[in-house]
Amino acid sequence: MKTHIELKNDSQICQMRKAGLAVAAIHEAIADALRPGVTTKDMDDVAASVLEAHGARSNFLGYYGYPAHICVSVNEEIVHGIPGSRVLEPGDIVSFDCGAVIDGWHGDACFTAVLPGGDQDRHAQREELSARTREAMWRGIAALATGSRVGDVGRAIDDYVESLEEPVPGIVEEYVGHGIGTAMHMDPDVPNYRTRSRGEKLCPGMVLCVEPMLTAGNQENVTREDEWTVVTLDGSDACHWEHEVAIHEGGIWVLTARDGGMAGLAPFGITPVPLNED
């Protein structure tokens, strides 16, 4: 199937940065409010308040009927967890997938946190899973600067995961990264694993979401009866990290990171290149 990739000029990328910073603000507010005893709906309310403060709307709410502002996925939930009355417990691993739309341009990013407390060994395992998933994401983002094809992102993530000592996480293959711009999900797909196809050629004007999802056990998954929440089939923990990245003539710029990706890309010798936002 032929893809249609929406290429953005520098001015449009700067517009997308506004939505990206709104998403970063949601992440920061959630991290500040997160503690054992809060509900997943409480976190959705935090997101709604930040969106309002930024003059933004959620690109999740109403998307194919999705009923909340953000997705909150806990423990064995991989993605698309619906916020509600669930109370977060000490030691839970929780992924917060958040989005914003400002003036028609979309932002989308996810972070994972492990709540304090709980069993020490389990807590350490969950922290390690989150750290590995975050590292996989940054390696995929670095490939946007050093690679030539979209497939280089998945190859970088796959190579990293395969290099890990046991237990090696599972890479969820059913859900991948994507293009983004005037819609939340656009061409091209950005796989988180090695594929036969090298994918589309990377070029200035692309804005892509890199979002590996790793599991502590098998990556096989099912969708619950709510028709949204995806969980691991074996009940193992899952983790999800995501950033939105622009490619332009001068380099790459992580639109949903407050520092543009400076800290995350530094270990790879890559310096993000912000555009003039004036």
C-alpha atoms as a PDB file:
ATOM      1  CA  MET A   1       0.000   0.000   0.000  1.00  0.00           C
ATOM      2  CA  LYS A   2       1.353   3.394  -0.996  1.00  0.00           C
ATOM      3  CA  THR A   3       1.944   5.787   1.880  1.00  0.00           C
ATOM      4  CA  HIS A   4       1.292   9.500   1.949  1.00  0.00           C
ATOM      5  CA  ILE A   5       3.712  11.337   4.215  1.00  0.00           C
ATOM      6  CA  GLU A   6       2.848  14.847   5.363  1.00  0.00           C
ATOM      7  CA  LEU A   7       6.018  16.967   5.288  1.00  0.00           C
ATOM      8  CA  LYS A   8       6.152  20.095   7.446  1.00  0.00           C
ATOM      9  CA  ASN A   9       8.068  23.315   6.898  1.00  0.00           C
ATOM     10  CA  ASP A  10      10.020  24.909   9.736  1.00  0.00           C
ATOM     11  CA  SER A  11       7.143  27.172  10.743  1.00  0.00           C
ATOM     12  CA  GLN A  12       4.769  24.220  11.002  1.00  0.00           C
ATOM     13  CA  ILE A  13       7.280  22.254  13.062  1.00  0.00           C
ATOM     14  CA  CYS A  14       7.427  25.202  15.471  1.00  0.00           C
ATOM     15  CA  GLN A  15       3.637  25.086  15.707  1.00  0.00           C
ATOM     16  CA  MET A  16       3.888  21.403  16.571  1.00  0.00           C
ATOM     17  CA  ARG A  17       6.411  22.278  19.268  1.00  0.00           C
ATOM     18  CA  LYS A  18       3.650  24.184  21.103  1.00  0.00           C
ATOM     19  CA  ALA A  19       1.529  21.027  21.257  1.00  0.00           C
ATOM     20  CA  GLY A  20       4.618  19.042  22.249  1.00  0.00           C
ATOM     21  CA  LEU A  21       5.332  21.372  25.161  1.00  0.00           C
ATOM     22  CA  ALA A  22       1.725  21.022  26.327  1.00  0.00           C
ATOM     23  CA  VAL A  23       2.258  17.260  26.445  1.00  0.00           C
ATOM     24  CA  ALA A  24       5.520  17.765  28.357  1.00  0.00           C
ATOM     25  CA  ALA A  25       3.599  19.910  30.863  1.00  0.00           C
ATOM     26  CA  ILE A  26       1.017  17.143  31.310  1.00  0.00           C
ATOM     27  CA  HIS A  27       3.811  14.656  32.038  1.00  0.00           C
ATOM     28  CA  GLU A  28       5.365  16.995  34.595  1.00  0.00           C
ATOM     29  CA  ALA A  29       2.054  17.640  36.346  1.00  0.00           C
ATOM     30  CA  ILE A  30       1.216  13.944  36.498  1.00  0.00           C
ATOM     31  CA  ALA A  31       4.672  13.112  37.872  1.00  0.00           C
ATOM     32  CA  ASP A  32       4.166  15.743  40.594  1.00  0.00           C
ATOM     33  CA  ALA A  33       0.723  14.429  41.552  1.00  0.00           C
ATOM     34  CA  LEU A  34       1.495  10.712  41.293  1.00  0.00           C
ATOM     35  CA  ARG A  35       1.548   8.700  44.525  1.00  0.00           C
ATOM     36  CA  PRO A  36      -0.018   5.538  45.947  1.00  0.00           C
ATOM     37  CA  GLY A  37      -3.690   6.033  46.705  1.00  0.00           C
ATOM     38  CA  VAL A  38      -4.604   8.239  43.749  1.00  0.00           C
ATOM     39  CA  THR A  39      -6.895   6.854  41.068  1.00  0.00           C
ATOM     40  CA  THR A  40      -6.201   6.676  37.375  1.00  0.00           C
ATOM     41  CA  LYS A  41      -9.136   9.097  36.946  1.00  0.00           C
ATOM     42  CA  ASP A  42      -7.340  11.559  39.217  1.00  0.00           C
ATOM     43  CA  MET A  43      -4.455  11.536  36.746  1.00  0.00           C
ATOM     44  CA  ASP A  44      -6.834  12.090  33.848  1.00  0.00           C
ATOM     45  CA  ASP A  45      -8.225  15.114  35.703  1.00  0.00           C
ATOM     46  CA  VAL A  46      -4.682  16.490  36.091  1.00  0.00           C
ATOM     47  CA  ALA A  47      -4.184  16.156  32.340  1.00  0.00           C
ATOM     48  CA  ALA A  48      -7.483  17.893  31.613  1.00  0.00           C
ATOM     49  CA  SER A  49      -6.462  20.858  33.776  1.00  0.00           C
ATOM     50  CA  VAL A  50      -3.117  21.236  31.999  1.00  0.00           C
ATOM     51  CA  LEU A  51      -4.763  21.041  28.586  1.00  0.00           C
ATOM     52  CA  GLU A  52      -7.167  23.814  29.551  1.00  0.00           C
ATOM     53  CA  ALA A  53      -4.328  25.971  30.869  1.00  0.00           C
ATOM     54  CA  HIS A  54      -2.505  25.630  27.540  1.00  0.00           C
ATOM     55  CA  GLY A  55      -5.553  26.347  25.400  1.00  0.00           C
ATOM     56  CA  ALA A  56      -5.276  22.811  24.052  1.00  0.00           C
ATOM     57  CA  ARG A  57      -7.603  19.869  23.669  1.00  0.00           C
ATOM     58  CA  SER A  58      -6.951  16.167  24.032  1.00  0.00           C
ATOM     59  CA  ASN A  59      -6.461  14.271  20.791  1.00  0.00           C
ATOM     60  CA  PHE A  60      -7.389  11.072  22.639  1.00  0.00           C
ATOM     61  CA  LEU A  61     -10.811  12.121  23.962  1.00  0.00           C
ATOM     62  CA  GLY A  62     -13.445  10.981  21.466  1.00  0.00           C
ATOM     63  CA  TYR A  63     -10.891   9.319  19.171  1.00  0.00           C
ATOM     64  CA  TYR A  64     -12.909   6.393  17.786  1.00  0.00           C
ATOM     65  CA  GLY A  65     -15.042   6.848  20.884  1.00  0.00           C
ATOM     66  CA  TYR A  66     -12.202   6.770  23.436  1.00  0.00           C
ATOM     67  CA  PRO A  67     -13.697   8.143  26.698  1.00  0.00           C
ATOM     68  CA  ALA A  68     -10.779   9.912  28.455  1.00  0.00           C
ATOM     69  CA  HIS A  69      -8.136  12.605  27.990  1.00  0.00           C
ATOM     70  CA  ILE A  70      -5.149  10.251  28.373  1.00  0.00           C
ATOM     71  CA  CYS A  71      -4.360   6.536  28.523  1.00  0.00           C
ATOM     72  CA  VAL A  72      -3.175   5.095  31.840  1.00  0.00           C
ATOM     73  CA  SER A  73      -1.838   1.534  31.658  1.00  0.00           C
ATOM     74  CA  VAL A  74      -0.973  -0.299  34.892  1.00  0.00           C
ATOM     75  CA  ASN A  75       1.279  -3.353  35.399  1.00  0.00           C
ATOM     76  CA  GLU A  76       0.196  -5.986  32.814  1.00  0.00           C
ATOM     77  CA  GLU A  77      -1.600  -3.348  30.730  1.00  0.00           C
ATOM     78  CA  ILE A  78       0.492  -2.482  27.691  1.00  0.00           C
ATOM     79  CA  VAL A  79      -1.408   0.423  26.136  1.00  0.00           C
ATOM     80  CA  HIS A  80      -4.800   2.169  25.910  1.00  0.00           C
ATOM     81  CA  GLY A  81      -5.765   1.707  29.563  1.00  0.00           C
ATOM     82  CA  ILE A  82      -8.886   3.763  30.332  1.00  0.00           C
ATOM     83  CA  PRO A  83      -8.654   5.973  33.463  1.00  0.00           C
ATOM     84  CA  GLY A  84     -11.282   5.221  36.089  1.00  0.00           C
ATOM     85  CA  SER A  85     -11.721   4.236  39.710  1.00  0.00           C
ATOM     86  CA  ARG A  86      -8.629   2.018  39.933  1.00  0.00           C
ATOM     87  CA  VAL A  87      -6.478   3.019  42.895  1.00  0.00           C
ATOM     88  CA  LEU A  88      -2.740   2.971  42.226  1.00  0.00           C
ATOM     89  CA  GLU A  89      -0.825   0.802  44.676  1.00  0.00           C
ATOM     90  CA  PRO A  90       2.748   0.969  46.024  1.00  0.00           C
ATOM     91  CA  GLY A  91       5.154  -0.497  43.473  1.00  0.00           C
ATOM     92  CA  ASP A  92       2.784  -0.308  40.475  1.00  0.00           C
ATOM     93  CA  ILE A  93       4.395   0.364  37.087  1.00  0.00           C
ATOM     94  CA  VAL A  94       2.231   2.855  35.216  1.00  0.00           C
ATOM     95  CA  SER A  95       2.479   4.256  31.681  1.00  0.00           C
ATOM     96  CA  PHE A  96       0.879   7.613  30.886  1.00  0.00           C
ATOM     97  CA  ASP A  97       0.232   8.158  27.170  1.00  0.00           C
ATOM     98  CA  CYS A  98      -0.796  11.784  26.639  1.00  0.00           C
ATOM     99  CA  GLY A  99      -1.654  14.025  23.726  1.00  0.00           C
ATOM    100  CA  ALA A 100      -2.593  17.605  22.883  1.00  0.00           C
ATOM    101  CA  VAL A 101      -3.849  19.552  19.893  1.00  0.00           C
ATOM    102  CA  ILE A 102      -3.143  23.267  19.469  1.00  0.00           C
ATOM    103  CA  ASP A 103      -4.257  25.130  16.345  1.00  0.00           C
ATOM    104  CA  GLY A 104      -4.759  21.832  14.546  1.00  0.00           C
ATOM    105  CA  TRP A 105      -1.292  20.428  15.252  1.00  0.00           C
ATOM    106  CA  HIS A 106      -0.836  17.292  17.354  1.00  0.00           C
ATOM    107  CA  GLY A 107       1.536  16.321  20.163  1.00  0.00           C
ATOM    108  CA  ASP A 108       1.861  12.760  21.508  1.00  0.00           C
ATOM    109  CA  ALA A 109       4.227  11.217  24.066  1.00  0.00           C
ATOM    110  CA  CYS A 110       4.287   8.637  26.856  1.00  0.00           C
ATOM    111  CA  PHE A 111       6.296   8.139  30.021  1.00  0.00           C
ATOM    112  CA  THR A 112       6.375   5.383  32.626  1.00  0.00           C
ATOM    113  CA  ALA A 113       6.767   5.645  36.400  1.00  0.00           C
ATOM    114  CA  VAL A 114       7.155   3.054  39.148  1.00  0.00           C
ATOM    115  CA  LEU A 115       5.384   4.103  42.340  1.00  0.00           C
ATOM    116  CA  PRO A 116       7.386   3.961  45.567  1.00  0.00           C
ATOM    117  CA  GLY A 117       6.956   1.055  47.960  1.00  0.00           C
ATOM    118  CA  GLY A 118       5.864  -2.508  47.442  1.00  0.00           C
ATOM    119  CA  ASP A 119       8.069  -5.579  47.241  1.00  0.00           C
ATOM    120  CA  GLN A 120      11.697  -4.481  46.803  1.00  0.00           C
ATOM    121  CA  ASP A 121      12.647  -7.126  44.247  1.00  0.00           C
ATOM    122  CA  ARG A 122       9.523  -6.508  42.182  1.00  0.00           C
ATOM    123  CA  HIS A 123      10.109  -2.773  42.390  1.00  0.00           C
ATOM    124  CA  ALA A 124      13.686  -3.172  41.134  1.00  0.00           C
ATOM    125  CA  GLN A 125      12.527  -5.364  38.251  1.00  0.00           C
ATOM    126  CA  ARG A 126       9.949  -2.807  37.221  1.00  0.00           C
ATOM    127  CA  GLU A 127      12.456   0.050  37.413  1.00  0.00           C
ATOM    128  CA  GLU A 128      14.782  -1.964  35.190  1.00  0.00           C
ATOM    129  CA  LEU A 129      12.011  -2.637  32.656  1.00  0.00           C
ATOM    130  CA  SER A 130      11.224   1.079  32.512  1.00  0.00           C
ATOM    131  CA  ALA A 131      14.898   2.021  32.158  1.00  0.00           C
ATOM    132  CA  ARG A 132      15.354  -0.499  29.346  1.00  0.00           C
ATOM    133  CA  THR A 133      12.276   0.729  27.497  1.00  0.00           C
ATOM    134  CA  ARG A 134      13.346   4.356  27.838  1.00  0.00           C
ATOM    135  CA  GLU A 135      16.828   3.477  26.570  1.00  0.00           C
ATOM    136  CA  ALA A 136      15.281   1.629  23.630  1.00  0.00           C
ATOM    137  CA  MET A 137      13.267   4.740  22.782  1.00  0.00           C
ATOM    138  CA  TRP A 138      16.330   7.004  22.812  1.00  0.00           C
ATOM    139  CA  ARG A 139      18.274   4.567  20.656  1.00  0.00           C
ATOM    140  CA  GLY A 140      15.406   4.632  18.176  1.00  0.00           C
ATOM    141  CA  ILE A 141      15.355   8.429  18.228  1.00  0.00           C
ATOM    142  CA  ALA A 142      19.129   8.558  17.714  1.00  0.00           C
ATOM    143  CA  ALA A 143      18.651   6.433  14.604  1.00  0.00           C
ATOM    144  CA  LEU A 144      16.569   9.242  13.107  1.00  0.00           C
ATOM    145  CA  ALA A 145      19.727  11.355  13.184  1.00  0.00           C
ATOM    146  CA  THR A 146      22.192   8.707  12.025  1.00  0.00           C
ATOM    147  CA  GLY A 147      20.063   6.477   9.787  1.00  0.00           C
ATOM    148  CA  SER A 148      18.625   6.876   6.322  1.00  0.00           C
ATOM    149  CA  ARG A 149      15.384   4.878   6.463  1.00  0.00           C
ATOM    150  CA  VAL A 150      12.457   4.543   8.859  1.00  0.00           C
ATOM    151  CA  GLY A 151      13.420   0.898   9.352  1.00  0.00           C
ATOM    152  CA  ASP A 152      16.651   2.001  11.019  1.00  0.00           C
ATOM    153  CA  VAL A 153      14.605   2.996  14.073  1.00  0.00           C
ATOM    154  CA  GLY A 154      13.281  -0.519  14.624  1.00  0.00           C
ATOM    155  CA  ARG A 155      16.680  -2.033  13.875  1.00  0.00           C
ATOM    156  CA  ALA A 156      18.324   0.140  16.554  1.00  0.00           C
ATOM    157  CA  ILE A 157      15.682  -0.809  19.117  1.00  0.00           C
ATOM    158  CA  ASP A 158      15.836  -4.500  18.247  1.00  0.00           C
ATOM    159  CA  ASP A 159      19.641  -4.581  18.360  1.00  0.00           C
ATOM    160  CA  TYR A 160      19.609  -2.995  21.809  1.00  0.00           C
ATOM    161  CA  VAL A 161      16.983  -5.353  23.236  1.00  0.00           C
ATOM    162  CA  GLU A 162      18.764  -8.412  21.815  1.00  0.00           C
ATOM    163  CA  SER A 163      22.003  -7.261  23.479  1.00  0.00           C
ATOM    164  CA  LEU A 164      20.498  -7.281  26.961  1.00  0.00           C
ATOM    165  CA  GLU A 165      21.271  -9.929  29.523  1.00  0.00           C
ATOM    166  CA  GLU A 166      18.522 -12.276  30.653  1.00  0.00           C
ATOM    167  CA  PRO A 167      15.691 -11.814  31.149  1.00  0.00           C
ATOM    168  CA  VAL A 168      15.426 -10.219  27.683  1.00  0.00           C
ATOM    169  CA  PRO A 169      12.232  -8.145  27.368  1.00  0.00           C
ATOM    170  CA  GLY A 170       9.651  -8.883  24.707  1.00  0.00           C
ATOM    171  CA  ILE A 171       9.075  -6.232  22.037  1.00  0.00           C
ATOM    172  CA  VAL A 172       5.371  -5.652  21.362  1.00  0.00           C
ATOM    173  CA  GLU A 173       4.960  -5.818  17.587  1.00  0.00           C
ATOM    174  CA  GLU A 174       1.227  -5.127  17.131  1.00  0.00           C
ATOM    175  CA  TYR A 175       1.553  -1.479  18.155  1.00  0.00           C
ATOM    176  CA  VAL A 176       4.131   0.757  16.488  1.00  0.00           C
ATOM    177  CA  GLY A 177       5.205   4.360  16.170  1.00  0.00           C
ATOM    178  CA  HIS A 178       3.752   6.627  13.516  1.00  0.00           C
ATOM    179  CA  GLY A 179       3.829   9.864  11.630  1.00  0.00           C
ATOM    180  CA  ILE A 180       2.009  12.796  13.212  1.00  0.00           C
ATOM    181  CA  GLY A 181       0.997  16.317  12.254  1.00  0.00           C
ATOM    182  CA  THR A 182      -2.481  17.523  11.306  1.00  0.00           C
ATOM    183  CA  ALA A 183      -3.716  14.149  12.607  1.00  0.00           C
ATOM    184  CA  MET A 184      -2.481  12.021  15.489  1.00  0.00           C
ATOM    185  CA  HIS A 185      -1.789   8.863  13.494  1.00  0.00           C
ATOM    186  CA  MET A 186      -0.376   9.322  10.001  1.00  0.00           C
ATOM    187  CA  ASP A 187       1.974   7.584   7.588  1.00  0.00           C
ATOM    188  CA  PRO A 188       4.521   6.164   7.899  1.00  0.00           C
ATOM    189  CA  ASP A 189       4.379   3.383  10.468  1.00  0.00           C
ATOM    190  CA  VAL A 190       7.527   3.297  12.618  1.00  0.00           C
ATOM    191  CA  PRO A 191       8.096  -0.313  13.762  1.00  0.00           C
ATOM    192  CA  ASN A 192       9.892  -0.945  17.058  1.00  0.00           C
ATOM    193  CA  TYR A 193      11.592  -4.070  15.711  1.00  0.00           C
ATOM    194  CA  ARG A 194      13.674  -5.200  12.758  1.00  0.00           C
ATOM    195  CA  THR A 195      11.709  -5.746   9.532  1.00  0.00           C
ATOM    196  CA  ARG A 196      12.609  -6.992   6.082  1.00  0.00           C
ATOM    197  CA  SER A 197      11.603  -3.683   4.579  1.00  0.00           C
ATOM    198  CA  ARG A 198      13.936  -0.765   5.182  1.00  0.00           C
ATOM    199  CA  GLY A 199      10.917   1.524   5.140  1.00  0.00           C
ATOM    200  CA  GLU A 200      10.563   5.004   3.744  1.00  0.00           C
ATOM    201  CA  LYS A 201      13.547   7.279   3.278  1.00  0.00           C
ATOM    202  CA  LEU A 202      14.037   9.707   6.157  1.00  0.00           C
ATOM    203  CA  CYS A 203      13.858  13.309   4.999  1.00  0.00           C
ATOM    204  CA  PRO A 204      13.418  16.853   6.328  1.00  0.00           C
ATOM    205  CA  GLY A 205       9.819  17.686   7.155  1.00  0.00           C
ATOM    206  CA  MET A 206       8.980  14.327   8.696  1.00  0.00           C
ATOM    207  CA  VAL A 207       7.620  14.306  12.249  1.00  0.00           C
ATOM    208  CA  LEU A 208       7.569  10.816  13.769  1.00  0.00           C
ATOM    209  CA  CYS A 209       6.610   9.230  17.073  1.00  0.00           C
ATOM    210  CA  VAL A 210       9.067   6.625  18.352  1.00  0.00           C
ATOM    211  CA  GLU A 211       7.349   4.466  20.979  1.00  0.00           C
ATOM    212  CA  PRO A 212       8.713   1.069  21.990  1.00  0.00           C
ATOM    213  CA  MET A 213       6.589  -1.083  24.284  1.00  0.00           C
ATOM    214  CA  LEU A 214       8.453  -3.826  26.128  1.00  0.00           C
ATOM    215  CA  THR A 215       7.197  -6.636  28.326  1.00  0.00           C
ATOM    216  CA  ALA A 216       8.856  -8.513  31.168  1.00  0.00           C
ATOM    217  CA  GLY A 217       7.561 -11.778  29.680  1.00  0.00           C
ATOM    218  CA  ASN A 218       6.088 -12.792  26.347  1.00  0.00           C
ATOM    219  CA  GLN A 219       4.900  -9.990  24.083  1.00  0.00           C
ATOM    220  CA  GLU A 220       1.694 -11.823  23.104  1.00  0.00           C
ATOM    221  CA  ASN A 221      -1.324  -9.767  24.098  1.00  0.00           C
ATOM    222  CA  VAL A 222      -5.100  -9.514  24.088  1.00  0.00           C
ATOM    223  CA  THR A 223      -7.606  -6.676  24.266  1.00  0.00           C
ATOM    224  CA  ARG A 224     -10.014  -6.599  27.210  1.00  0.00           C
ATOM    225  CA  GLU A 225     -13.797  -6.465  26.883  1.00  0.00           C
ATOM    226  CA  ASP A 226     -13.721  -2.650  27.051  1.00  0.00           C
ATOM    227  CA  GLU A 227     -12.280  -2.914  23.489  1.00  0.00           C
ATOM    228  CA  TRP A 228      -9.392  -0.597  24.383  1.00  0.00           C
ATOM    229  CA  THR A 229      -7.121  -1.923  27.129  1.00  0.00           C
ATOM    230  CA  VAL A 230      -4.372  -4.172  25.750  1.00  0.00           C
ATOM    231  CA  VAL A 231      -2.792  -6.572  28.272  1.00  0.00           C
ATOM    232  CA  THR A 232      -0.060  -9.178  28.188  1.00  0.00           C
ATOM    233  CA  LEU A 233      -1.433 -12.666  27.681  1.00  0.00           C
ATOM    234  CA  ASP A 234       0.861 -14.139  30.351  1.00  0.00           C
ATOM    235  CA  GLY A 235       0.129 -11.370  32.878  1.00  0.00           C
ATOM    236  CA  SER A 236       3.699 -10.049  32.844  1.00  0.00           C
ATOM    237  CA  ASP A 237       4.500  -6.367  33.348  1.00  0.00           C
ATOM    238  CA  ALA A 238       4.605  -3.978  30.412  1.00  0.00           C
ATOM    239  CA  CYS A 239       6.172  -0.585  29.779  1.00  0.00           C
ATOM    240  CA  HIS A 240       5.746   2.180  27.184  1.00  0.00           C
ATOM    241  CA  TRP A 241       7.874   5.234  26.404  1.00  0.00           C
ATOM    242  CA  GLU A 242       7.312   7.660  23.509  1.00  0.00           C
ATOM    243  CA  HIS A 243       8.524  10.972  22.109  1.00  0.00           C
ATOM    244  CA  GLU A 244       7.585  12.984  19.029  1.00  0.00           C
ATOM    245  CA  VAL A 245      10.566  13.923  16.859  1.00  0.00           C
ATOM    246  CA  ALA A 246      10.916  16.373  13.966  1.00  0.00           C
ATOM    247  CA  ILE A 247      13.496  16.010  11.214  1.00  0.00           C
ATOM    248  CA  HIS A 248      14.523  19.262   9.516  1.00  0.00           C
ATOM    249  CA  GLU A 249      17.411  20.500   7.373  1.00  0.00           C
ATOM    250  CA  GLY A 250      19.559  21.213  10.433  1.00  0.00           C
ATOM    251  CA  GLY A 251      19.020  17.962  12.323  1.00  0.00           C
ATOM    252  CA  ILE A 252      16.421  16.476  14.665  1.00  0.00           C
ATOM    253  CA  TRP A 253      14.391  18.078  17.444  1.00  0.00           C
ATOM    254  CA  VAL A 254      12.414  16.167  20.085  1.00  0.00           C
ATOM    255  CA  LEU A 255       9.242  18.235  20.228  1.00  0.00           C
ATOM    256  CA  THR A 256       7.761  16.635  23.352  1.00  0.00           C
ATOM    257  CA  ALA A 257      10.934  16.916  25.465  1.00  0.00           C
ATOM    258  CA  ARG A 258      11.345  20.169  27.385  1.00  0.00           C
ATOM    259  CA  ASP A 259      15.073  20.248  26.487  1.00  0.00           C
ATOM    260  CA  GLY A 260      14.458  19.185  22.892  1.00  0.00           C
ATOM    261  CA  GLY A 261      16.143  15.848  23.539  1.00  0.00           C
ATOM    262  CA  MET A 262      19.494  17.221  24.726  1.00  0.00           C
ATOM    263  CA  ALA A 263      19.943  14.892  27.719  1.00  0.00           C
ATOM    264  CA  GLY A 264      18.529  11.781  26.072  1.00  0.00           C
ATOM    265  CA  LEU A 265      20.649  12.087  22.929  1.00  0.00           C
ATOM    266  CA  ALA A 266      23.906  13.164  24.596  1.00  0.00           C
ATOM    267  CA  PRO A 267      25.093   9.563  25.244  1.00  0.00           C
ATOM    268  CA  PHE A 268      24.984   8.966  21.480  1.00  0.00           C
ATOM    269  CA  GLY A 269      26.990  12.068  20.619  1.00  0.00           C
ATOM    270  CA  ILE A 270      23.958  13.707  19.028  1.00  0.00           C
ATOM    271  CA  THR A 271      22.918  17.284  19.715  1.00  0.00           C
ATOM    272  CA  PRO A 272      19.329  18.204  18.877  1.00  0.00           C
ATOM    273  CA  VAL A 273      18.847  21.298  16.756  1.00  0.00           C
ATOM    274  CA  PRO A 274      15.935  23.518  17.816  1.00  0.00           C
ATOM    275  CA  LEU A 275      14.352  25.815  15.270  1.00  0.00           C
ATOM    276  CA  ASN A 276      13.771  29.504  15.885  1.00  0.00           C
ATOM    277  CA  GLU A 277      10.378  29.603  17.603  1.00  0.00           C
ATOM    278  CA  ASP A 278       9.883  33.395  17.311  1.00  0.00           C
END
